[in-house]
Amino acid sequence: MRSPTFIRGRRHRWRDYGRQGPPQAIVRRFLKPLLGVADRTGRTNLTYIPDRRQPTIAAALLPQVAPDALLLSDGAPQYEAIAKAAGMGYWMLVGGRRSRLTPTTYHLNTINSLHASWKAFLKPFRGPATKNLDGYARWLIARRDGYLPVFRRILA
């Protein structure tokens, strides 16, 4: 017995959705997660991770963080579970819900600015391929941290 043939409908181009853009279900398929890590010394890192599951995040996060560090996150439940499993301190910061008990030194401004510069950095590229995201992330960090003069001296 032959399987029935399935003919797909016409696929809309991005511009065909109008001013409001495509539905969020379509947009989410194209968003790729990046893990941003920053410490008090100013060192930052962006790492492409294939999904948002706890084992994937833990495998990318734990080698970059000292075991006695305090992990600050935006409230995703995976980070609290990772911190408990690793024996690290954990503090959740949700935007707009800062209490008087939260120290003012705890903030996510560095990570938020890193994500904003990532979006601005990708503007002219119109979305690089997923396989190249790690390279683009390293390139952005090198530009932000001022490593380009070092690279120029090496290449000269």
Protein backbone atom coordinates (compact mmCIF):
# COMPACT_ATOMS: atom_id res chain seq x y z
CA MET A 1 0.00 0.00 0.00
CA ARG A 2 1.34 3.39 -0.95
CA SER A 3 1.48 6.16 1.59
CA PRO A 4 -0.61 9.16 0.68
CA THR A 5 1.29 12.11 -0.67
CA PHE A 6 1.28 15.23 1.41
CA ILE A 7 1.47 18.53 -0.38
CA ARG A 8 2.54 21.43 1.79
CA GLY A 9 0.95 24.79 1.45
CA ARG A 10 2.82 27.86 0.31
CA ARG A 11 5.40 29.01 2.85
CA HIS A 12 5.11 32.67 3.74
CA ARG A 13 8.15 34.86 3.48
CA TRP A 14 8.95 37.00 6.48
CA ARG A 15 7.66 40.15 4.78
CA ASP A 16 4.32 38.50 3.93
CA TYR A 17 3.18 38.64 7.55
CA GLY A 18 2.69 42.41 7.53
CA ARG A 19 3.53 45.00 10.16
CA GLN A 20 2.92 42.81 13.19
CA GLY A 21 5.23 40.09 11.92
CA PRO A 22 4.74 36.36 12.15
CA PRO A 23 3.05 34.64 15.10
CA GLN A 24 5.25 33.97 18.14
CA ALA A 25 5.09 30.22 17.56
CA ILE A 26 6.93 30.70 14.27
CA VAL A 27 9.41 33.21 15.68
CA ARG A 28 10.39 30.91 18.58
CA ARG A 29 11.46 28.19 16.14
CA PHE A 30 14.19 30.48 14.84
CA LEU A 31 15.47 31.82 18.19
CA LYS A 32 18.63 30.10 19.38
CA PRO A 33 19.63 30.23 23.07
CA LEU A 34 22.88 31.86 24.16
CA LEU A 35 24.23 31.55 27.67
CA GLY A 36 25.74 34.78 28.96
CA VAL A 37 28.21 34.63 31.88
CA ALA A 38 29.88 37.61 33.58
CA ASP A 39 31.95 37.94 36.72
CA ARG A 40 33.03 40.84 38.91
CA THR A 41 36.40 41.16 37.19
CA GLY A 42 34.64 42.18 33.98
CA ARG A 43 35.21 38.93 32.11
CA THR A 44 32.23 38.03 29.96
CA ASN A 45 31.40 35.06 27.80
CA LEU A 46 28.62 34.13 25.40
CA THR A 47 28.12 30.46 24.55
CA TYR A 48 25.67 28.95 22.10
CA ILE A 49 23.71 26.10 23.68
CA PRO A 50 21.47 23.84 21.60
CA ASP A 51 18.50 23.93 24.03
CA ARG A 52 17.31 25.34 27.36
CA ARG A 53 17.25 22.10 29.33
CA GLN A 54 18.99 21.88 32.69
CA PRO A 55 21.76 19.36 31.77
CA THR A 56 22.73 21.43 28.73
CA ILE A 57 22.90 24.66 30.71
CA ALA A 58 24.84 22.97 33.53
CA ALA A 59 27.39 21.52 31.11
CA ALA A 60 28.05 24.97 29.64
CA LEU A 61 27.82 26.99 32.87
CA LEU A 62 29.69 25.03 35.54
CA PRO A 63 33.15 25.03 33.86
CA GLN A 64 32.97 28.84 33.68
CA VAL A 65 31.91 29.51 37.28
CA ALA A 66 33.93 29.04 40.46
CA PRO A 67 32.36 26.62 42.96
CA ASP A 68 32.23 29.29 45.69
CA ALA A 69 30.53 31.88 43.45
CA LEU A 70 27.05 33.28 43.90
CA LEU A 71 24.87 32.55 40.89
CA LEU A 72 22.47 35.36 39.92
CA SER A 73 19.74 34.60 37.41
CA ASP A 74 16.56 36.05 35.99
CA GLY A 75 14.25 33.50 37.57
CA ALA A 76 14.44 30.52 35.21
CA PRO A 77 13.99 27.39 37.37
CA GLN A 78 16.93 25.56 35.76
CA TYR A 79 19.50 27.87 37.36
CA GLU A 80 18.28 27.28 40.89
CA ALA A 81 18.45 23.51 40.41
CA ILE A 82 21.96 23.80 38.93
CA ALA A 83 23.13 25.95 41.87
CA LYS A 84 21.71 23.50 44.42
CA ALA A 85 23.28 20.50 42.67
CA ALA A 86 26.68 22.24 42.52
CA GLY A 87 26.49 23.55 46.10
CA MET A 88 26.67 27.18 44.99
CA GLY A 89 24.87 30.17 46.40
CA TYR A 90 21.89 31.35 44.36
CA TRP A 91 19.89 34.57 44.14
CA MET A 92 16.99 35.20 41.78
CA LEU A 93 16.48 38.69 40.37
CA VAL A 94 13.21 39.32 38.59
CA GLY A 95 12.90 42.64 36.81
CA GLY A 96 10.78 45.19 38.65
CA ARG A 97 10.48 43.09 41.83
CA ARG A 98 13.48 44.24 43.80
CA SER A 99 12.93 44.15 47.55
CA ARG A 100 14.71 46.03 50.32
CA LEU A 101 16.47 42.79 51.24
CA THR A 102 18.18 42.55 47.85
CA PRO A 103 21.66 44.06 47.98
CA THR A 104 22.17 46.80 45.40
CA THR A 105 25.35 45.10 44.19
CA TYR A 106 23.25 42.24 42.81
CA HIS A 107 22.19 43.15 39.30
CA LEU A 108 21.92 41.70 35.81
CA ASN A 109 22.87 44.90 34.00
CA THR A 110 26.13 43.45 32.65
CA ILE A 111 24.35 40.47 31.10
CA ASN A 112 21.54 42.65 29.76
CA SER A 113 24.07 44.95 28.08
CA LEU A 114 25.88 41.90 26.68
CA HIS A 115 22.64 40.65 25.13
CA ALA A 116 21.86 44.13 23.75
CA SER A 117 25.30 44.39 22.16
CA TRP A 118 24.80 40.87 20.71
CA LYS A 119 21.60 42.02 19.00
CA ALA A 120 23.28 45.17 17.68
CA PHE A 121 26.31 43.15 16.55
CA LEU A 122 24.16 40.76 14.50
CA LYS A 123 22.12 43.47 12.75
CA PRO A 124 24.25 43.72 9.58
CA PHE A 125 24.60 39.93 9.25
CA ARG A 126 20.85 39.20 8.91
CA GLY A 127 21.08 36.08 11.05
CA PRO A 128 24.17 33.87 10.74
CA ALA A 129 23.91 30.11 10.44
CA THR A 130 23.49 28.20 13.69
CA LYS A 131 26.79 26.38 13.19
CA ASN A 132 28.58 29.76 13.19
CA LEU A 133 26.93 31.27 16.29
CA ASP A 134 29.76 30.27 18.63
CA GLY A 135 32.33 31.95 16.38
CA TYR A 136 30.27 35.13 16.16
CA ALA A 137 29.86 35.14 19.94
CA ARG A 138 33.64 34.82 20.44
CA TRP A 139 34.19 37.60 17.90
CA LEU A 140 31.82 39.90 19.82
CA ILE A 141 33.57 39.16 23.13
CA ALA A 142 36.95 39.86 21.54
CA ARG A 143 35.69 43.19 20.23
CA ARG A 144 34.11 44.15 23.58
CA ASP A 145 37.10 43.17 25.69
CA GLY A 146 39.64 44.93 23.47
CA TYR A 147 41.50 41.90 22.15
CA LEU A 148 41.61 43.18 18.57
CA PRO A 149 44.94 45.05 18.95
CA VAL A 150 46.47 41.82 20.23
CA PHE A 151 45.12 39.89 17.23
CA ARG A 152 46.42 42.57 14.86
CA ARG A 153 49.91 42.30 16.36
CA ILE A 154 49.84 38.52 16.00
CA LEU A 155 48.74 38.71 12.37
CA ALA A 156 51.20 41.48 11.43
